[in-house]
Amino acid sequence: MNTAVAQTEEREIDPVEAALALCGGDARATIVTLLEELHFVRKQLALTQAGMSVGFTRGWKPSFEIEGE
């Protein structure tokens, strides 16, 4: 492998480790933070759903649940 190519490749970041690092490694604080973020995003989705017309989205509607579960 070319050294120039190897230097430009970025290493993958583990999202779980990144979330834990943001909370100083405290798993409980990480879960609380993620639940608060989820609550915020769900409120934003509800506002978006209320303000969007079906014609604007060509029949698509936002959903609170993951499809297929």
Protein backbone atom coordinates (compact mmCIF):
# COMPACT_ATOMS: atom_id res chain seq x y z
CA MET A 1 0.00 0.00 0.00
CA ASN A 2 1.25 3.44 -0.85
CA THR A 3 2.29 5.43 2.24
CA ALA A 4 0.42 8.51 0.95
CA VAL A 5 -2.77 6.46 0.72
CA ALA A 6 -2.24 4.95 4.16
CA GLN A 7 -1.80 8.39 5.72
CA THR A 8 -5.01 9.76 4.22
CA GLU A 9 -7.19 6.86 5.38
CA GLU A 10 -9.08 7.67 8.55
CA ARG A 11 -9.48 5.08 11.27
CA GLU A 12 -13.01 4.11 12.16
CA ILE A 13 -14.43 5.57 15.34
CA ASP A 14 -16.47 3.26 17.54
CA PRO A 15 -19.70 5.20 18.27
CA VAL A 16 -20.19 3.41 21.60
CA GLU A 17 -16.71 4.31 22.79
CA ALA A 18 -17.20 7.89 21.57
CA ALA A 19 -20.48 8.24 23.50
CA LEU A 20 -18.90 6.83 26.65
CA ALA A 21 -15.93 9.18 26.27
CA LEU A 22 -18.26 12.19 26.08
CA CYS A 23 -19.63 11.22 29.49
CA GLY A 24 -16.28 10.47 31.05
CA GLY A 25 -16.74 6.71 30.77
CA ASP A 26 -19.86 6.71 32.98
CA ALA A 27 -22.29 4.23 31.39
CA ARG A 28 -25.30 5.48 33.35
CA ALA A 29 -24.64 9.11 32.38
CA THR A 30 -24.22 8.02 28.76
CA ILE A 31 -27.60 6.26 28.78
CA VAL A 32 -29.30 9.27 30.40
CA THR A 33 -27.75 11.59 27.81
CA LEU A 34 -28.82 9.37 24.92
CA LEU A 35 -32.39 9.09 26.27
CA GLU A 36 -32.57 12.88 26.59
CA GLU A 37 -31.35 13.24 22.99
CA LEU A 38 -33.94 10.68 21.85
CA HIS A 39 -36.69 12.62 23.63
CA PHE A 40 -35.57 15.85 21.95
CA VAL A 41 -35.44 14.26 18.49
CA ARG A 42 -38.91 12.71 18.97
CA LYS A 43 -40.30 16.15 19.90
CA GLN A 44 -38.71 17.62 16.78
CA LEU A 45 -40.19 14.80 14.69
CA ALA A 46 -43.65 15.49 16.15
CA LEU A 47 -43.33 19.17 15.24
CA THR A 48 -42.18 18.27 11.75
CA GLN A 49 -45.02 15.79 11.31
CA ALA A 50 -47.58 18.39 12.39
CA GLY A 51 -46.18 21.05 10.07
CA MET A 52 -45.64 19.00 6.91
CA SER A 53 -48.29 18.56 4.30
CA VAL A 54 -48.72 15.14 2.72
CA GLY A 55 -48.42 16.75 -0.71
CA PHE A 56 -45.04 18.22 0.17
CA THR A 57 -43.67 14.78 1.02
CA ARG A 58 -45.50 12.96 -1.79
CA GLY A 59 -47.40 10.79 0.67
CA TRP A 60 -44.48 9.96 2.99
CA LYS A 61 -45.01 10.59 6.69
CA PRO A 62 -42.36 10.57 9.43
CA SER A 63 -42.61 7.65 11.82
CA PHE A 64 -41.71 7.26 15.48
CA GLU A 65 -41.00 3.55 15.10
CA ILE A 66 -38.40 1.69 13.06
CA GLU A 67 -40.11 0.04 10.13
CA GLY A 68 -40.14 -3.74 10.13
CA GLU A 69 -40.15 -4.18 13.90
